[in-house]
Amino acid sequence: MPKEHTILKDVTWEIDQQLYVIHNVPVNAYEGDVNDRTYSSETALKLLLLKDLMESAEIPSEIDYSIASALTL
């Protein structure tokens, strides 16, 4: 079984010419397979929350994922 390790990636998307960026999102990567990357369930939920807050302009459109560390699910 390939070894799993965590890397940090930026998540970006665009809606109506507005760019949204979340920096330093932890992603699970597997040794030897560059296409096999997953988010933990906690990270996925936090990304959804951040996405909603960003798109409703409650937080900036470019942030660092570390602000999500304060979120408890």
N, C-alpha and C. Protein backbone atom coordinates (compact mmCIF):
# COMPACT_ATOMS: atom_id res chain seq x y z
N MET A 1 0.85 -1.18 0.00
CA MET A 1 0.00 0.00 0.00
C MET A 1 0.90 1.24 0.00
N PRO A 2 0.61 2.23 -0.87
CA PRO A 2 1.44 3.43 -0.93
C PRO A 2 1.38 4.24 0.36
N LYS A 3 2.49 4.88 0.68
CA LYS A 3 2.54 5.72 1.87
C LYS A 3 1.76 7.01 1.63
N GLU A 4 1.04 7.42 2.66
CA GLU A 4 0.26 8.66 2.59
C GLU A 4 1.04 9.77 3.30
N HIS A 5 1.00 10.97 2.73
CA HIS A 5 1.59 12.12 3.38
C HIS A 5 0.73 13.35 3.04
N THR A 6 0.88 14.39 3.82
CA THR A 6 0.08 15.59 3.63
C THR A 6 0.90 16.67 2.95
N ILE A 7 0.32 17.28 1.95
CA ILE A 7 0.94 18.41 1.28
C ILE A 7 -0.02 19.60 1.36
N LEU A 8 0.47 20.79 1.11
CA LEU A 8 -0.37 21.98 1.13
C LEU A 8 -0.56 22.49 -0.29
N LYS A 9 -1.80 22.73 -0.66
CA LYS A 9 -2.14 23.21 -2.00
C LYS A 9 -3.06 24.42 -1.89
N ASP A 10 -3.10 25.20 -2.96
CA ASP A 10 -4.06 26.30 -3.05
C ASP A 10 -5.30 25.81 -3.78
N VAL A 11 -6.46 26.21 -3.29
CA VAL A 11 -7.73 25.89 -3.93
C VAL A 11 -8.25 27.20 -4.53
N THR A 12 -8.56 27.18 -5.82
CA THR A 12 -9.06 28.39 -6.49
C THR A 12 -10.30 28.08 -7.31
N TRP A 13 -11.17 29.07 -7.44
CA TRP A 13 -12.31 28.98 -8.33
C TRP A 13 -12.74 30.39 -8.69
N GLU A 14 -13.51 30.48 -9.74
CA GLU A 14 -13.96 31.78 -10.22
C GLU A 14 -15.45 31.74 -10.49
N ILE A 15 -16.16 32.79 -10.04
CA ILE A 15 -17.58 32.93 -10.29
C ILE A 15 -17.83 34.38 -10.70
N ASP A 16 -18.48 34.56 -11.83
CA ASP A 16 -18.79 35.91 -12.33
C ASP A 16 -17.57 36.83 -12.31
N GLN A 17 -16.48 36.35 -12.82
CA GLN A 17 -15.22 37.09 -12.93
C GLN A 17 -14.61 37.47 -11.57
N GLN A 18 -15.07 36.84 -10.49
CA GLN A 18 -14.49 37.04 -9.15
C GLN A 18 -13.67 35.79 -8.82
N LEU A 19 -12.37 35.99 -8.57
CA LEU A 19 -11.48 34.89 -8.24
C LEU A 19 -11.48 34.69 -6.72
N TYR A 20 -11.60 33.45 -6.31
CA TYR A 20 -11.54 33.07 -4.89
C TYR A 20 -10.35 32.14 -4.70
N VAL A 21 -9.60 32.37 -3.61
CA VAL A 21 -8.40 31.57 -3.36
C VAL A 21 -8.32 31.22 -1.87
N ILE A 22 -8.09 29.95 -1.59
CA ILE A 22 -7.79 29.50 -0.23
C ILE A 22 -6.40 28.88 -0.29
N HIS A 23 -5.45 29.50 0.39
CA HIS A 23 -4.06 29.04 0.37
C HIS A 23 -3.82 27.98 1.45
N ASN A 24 -2.84 27.13 1.18
CA ASN A 24 -2.32 26.16 2.16
C ASN A 24 -3.36 25.19 2.71
N VAL A 25 -4.13 24.62 1.81
CA VAL A 25 -5.13 23.62 2.20
C VAL A 25 -4.43 22.26 2.30
N PRO A 26 -4.58 21.55 3.44
CA PRO A 26 -3.95 20.24 3.57
C PRO A 26 -4.63 19.20 2.68
N VAL A 27 -3.82 18.50 1.90
CA VAL A 27 -4.30 17.47 0.98
C VAL A 27 -3.53 16.19 1.26
N ASN A 28 -4.23 15.07 1.31
CA ASN A 28 -3.57 13.78 1.48
C ASN A 28 -3.08 13.32 0.12
N ALA A 29 -1.80 13.02 0.04
CA ALA A 29 -1.20 12.55 -1.21
C ALA A 29 -0.60 11.17 -0.96
N TYR A 30 -0.50 10.40 -2.02
CA TYR A 30 0.01 9.04 -1.89
C TYR A 30 1.26 8.89 -2.73
N GLU A 31 2.28 8.33 -2.11
CA GLU A 31 3.58 8.15 -2.75
C GLU A 31 3.44 7.38 -4.05
N GLY A 32 4.00 7.93 -5.11
CA GLY A 32 4.01 7.24 -6.38
C GLY A 32 2.81 7.50 -7.27
N ASP A 33 1.80 8.21 -6.77
CA ASP A 33 0.61 8.47 -7.59
C ASP A 33 0.24 9.94 -7.48
N VAL A 34 0.69 10.74 -8.42
CA VAL A 34 0.46 12.18 -8.36
C VAL A 34 -1.00 12.55 -8.60
N ASN A 35 -1.80 11.65 -9.13
CA ASN A 35 -3.21 11.94 -9.40
C ASN A 35 -4.13 11.55 -8.25
N ASP A 36 -3.62 10.85 -7.26
CA ASP A 36 -4.45 10.39 -6.15
C ASP A 36 -4.27 11.34 -4.96
N ARG A 37 -5.15 12.31 -4.88
CA ARG A 37 -5.11 13.28 -3.79
C ARG A 37 -6.52 13.40 -3.21
N THR A 38 -6.59 13.43 -1.87
CA THR A 38 -7.90 13.50 -1.21
C THR A 38 -7.85 14.50 -0.07
N TYR A 39 -9.02 14.98 0.31
CA TYR A 39 -9.17 15.83 1.49
C TYR A 39 -9.76 14.98 2.61
N SER A 40 -9.37 15.26 3.83
CA SER A 40 -10.04 14.60 4.95
C SER A 40 -11.47 15.13 5.01
N SER A 41 -12.35 14.42 5.67
CA SER A 41 -13.75 14.87 5.76
C SER A 41 -13.83 16.20 6.50
N GLU A 42 -13.00 16.40 7.51
CA GLU A 42 -13.00 17.67 8.25
C GLU A 42 -12.55 18.83 7.35
N THR A 43 -11.51 18.60 6.56
CA THR A 43 -11.03 19.63 5.64
C THR A 43 -12.10 19.95 4.60
N ALA A 44 -12.76 18.93 4.07
CA ALA A 44 -13.81 19.15 3.06
C ALA A 44 -14.95 19.99 3.62
N LEU A 45 -15.37 19.70 4.84
CA LEU A 45 -16.45 20.48 5.47
C LEU A 45 -16.02 21.92 5.69
N LYS A 46 -14.80 22.11 6.16
CA LYS A 46 -14.31 23.48 6.38
C LYS A 46 -14.20 24.25 5.07
N LEU A 47 -13.79 23.57 4.00
CA LEU A 47 -13.73 24.22 2.70
C LEU A 47 -15.11 24.69 2.25
N LEU A 48 -16.12 23.87 2.47
CA LEU A 48 -17.49 24.26 2.11
C LEU A 48 -17.94 25.48 2.90
N LEU A 49 -17.64 25.50 4.19
CA LEU A 49 -18.00 26.65 5.03
C LEU A 49 -17.29 27.92 4.57
N LEU A 50 -15.98 27.80 4.32
CA LEU A 50 -15.21 28.95 3.86
C LEU A 50 -15.71 29.44 2.51
N LYS A 51 -16.02 28.51 1.62
CA LYS A 51 -16.54 28.87 0.29
C LYS A 51 -17.81 29.70 0.42
N ASP A 52 -18.75 29.24 1.24
CA ASP A 52 -19.99 29.97 1.43
C ASP A 52 -19.75 31.36 2.02
N LEU A 53 -18.85 31.46 3.00
CA LEU A 53 -18.54 32.76 3.61
C LEU A 53 -17.87 33.70 2.62
N MET A 54 -16.99 33.16 1.80
CA MET A 54 -16.30 33.98 0.81
C MET A 54 -17.27 34.48 -0.25
N GLU A 55 -18.10 33.60 -0.76
CA GLU A 55 -19.03 33.98 -1.83
C GLU A 55 -20.10 34.94 -1.35
N SER A 56 -20.40 34.95 -0.05
CA SER A 56 -21.37 35.91 0.49
C SER A 56 -20.69 37.18 1.00
N ALA A 57 -19.38 37.29 0.74
CA ALA A 57 -18.58 38.47 1.10
C ALA A 57 -18.49 38.71 2.61
N GLU A 58 -18.64 37.65 3.39
CA GLU A 58 -18.49 37.77 4.84
C GLU A 58 -17.04 37.68 5.27
N ILE A 59 -16.21 37.08 4.43
CA ILE A 59 -14.76 37.05 4.64
C ILE A 59 -14.10 37.38 3.29
N PRO A 60 -12.83 37.76 3.29
CA PRO A 60 -12.17 38.14 2.03
C PRO A 60 -12.18 37.02 0.99
N SER A 61 -12.01 37.39 -0.27
CA SER A 61 -12.02 36.41 -1.36
C SER A 61 -10.70 35.66 -1.49
N GLU A 62 -9.69 36.07 -0.74
CA GLU A 62 -8.41 35.36 -0.70
C GLU A 62 -7.98 35.23 0.75
N ILE A 63 -7.85 33.99 1.20
CA ILE A 63 -7.51 33.74 2.60
C ILE A 63 -6.51 32.59 2.71
N ASP A 64 -6.00 32.41 3.91
CA ASP A 64 -5.16 31.25 4.23
C ASP A 64 -6.02 30.26 5.00
N TYR A 65 -5.88 29.00 4.68
CA TYR A 65 -6.70 27.96 5.32
C TYR A 65 -6.50 27.94 6.83
N SER A 66 -5.40 28.47 7.34
CA SER A 66 -5.13 28.43 8.78
C SER A 66 -6.24 29.10 9.58
N ILE A 67 -7.02 30.02 8.97
CA ILE A 67 -8.13 30.61 9.72
C ILE A 67 -9.18 29.56 10.05
N ALA A 68 -9.21 28.50 9.27
CA ALA A 68 -10.18 27.43 9.51
C ALA A 68 -9.81 26.58 10.72
N SER A 69 -8.58 26.70 11.18
CA SER A 69 -8.17 25.91 12.35
C SER A 69 -8.96 26.33 13.58
N ALA A 70 -9.53 27.54 13.56
CA ALA A 70 -10.33 28.00 14.68
C ALA A 70 -11.76 27.43 14.62
N LEU A 71 -12.14 26.88 13.49
CA LEU A 71 -13.47 26.31 13.35
C LEU A 71 -13.50 24.92 13.96
N THR A 72 -14.46 24.69 14.82
CA THR A 72 -14.63 23.34 15.38
C THR A 72 -15.91 22.74 14.82
N LEU A 73 -15.80 21.53 14.33
CA LEU A 73 -16.96 20.87 13.73
C LEU A 73 -17.47 19.79 14.65
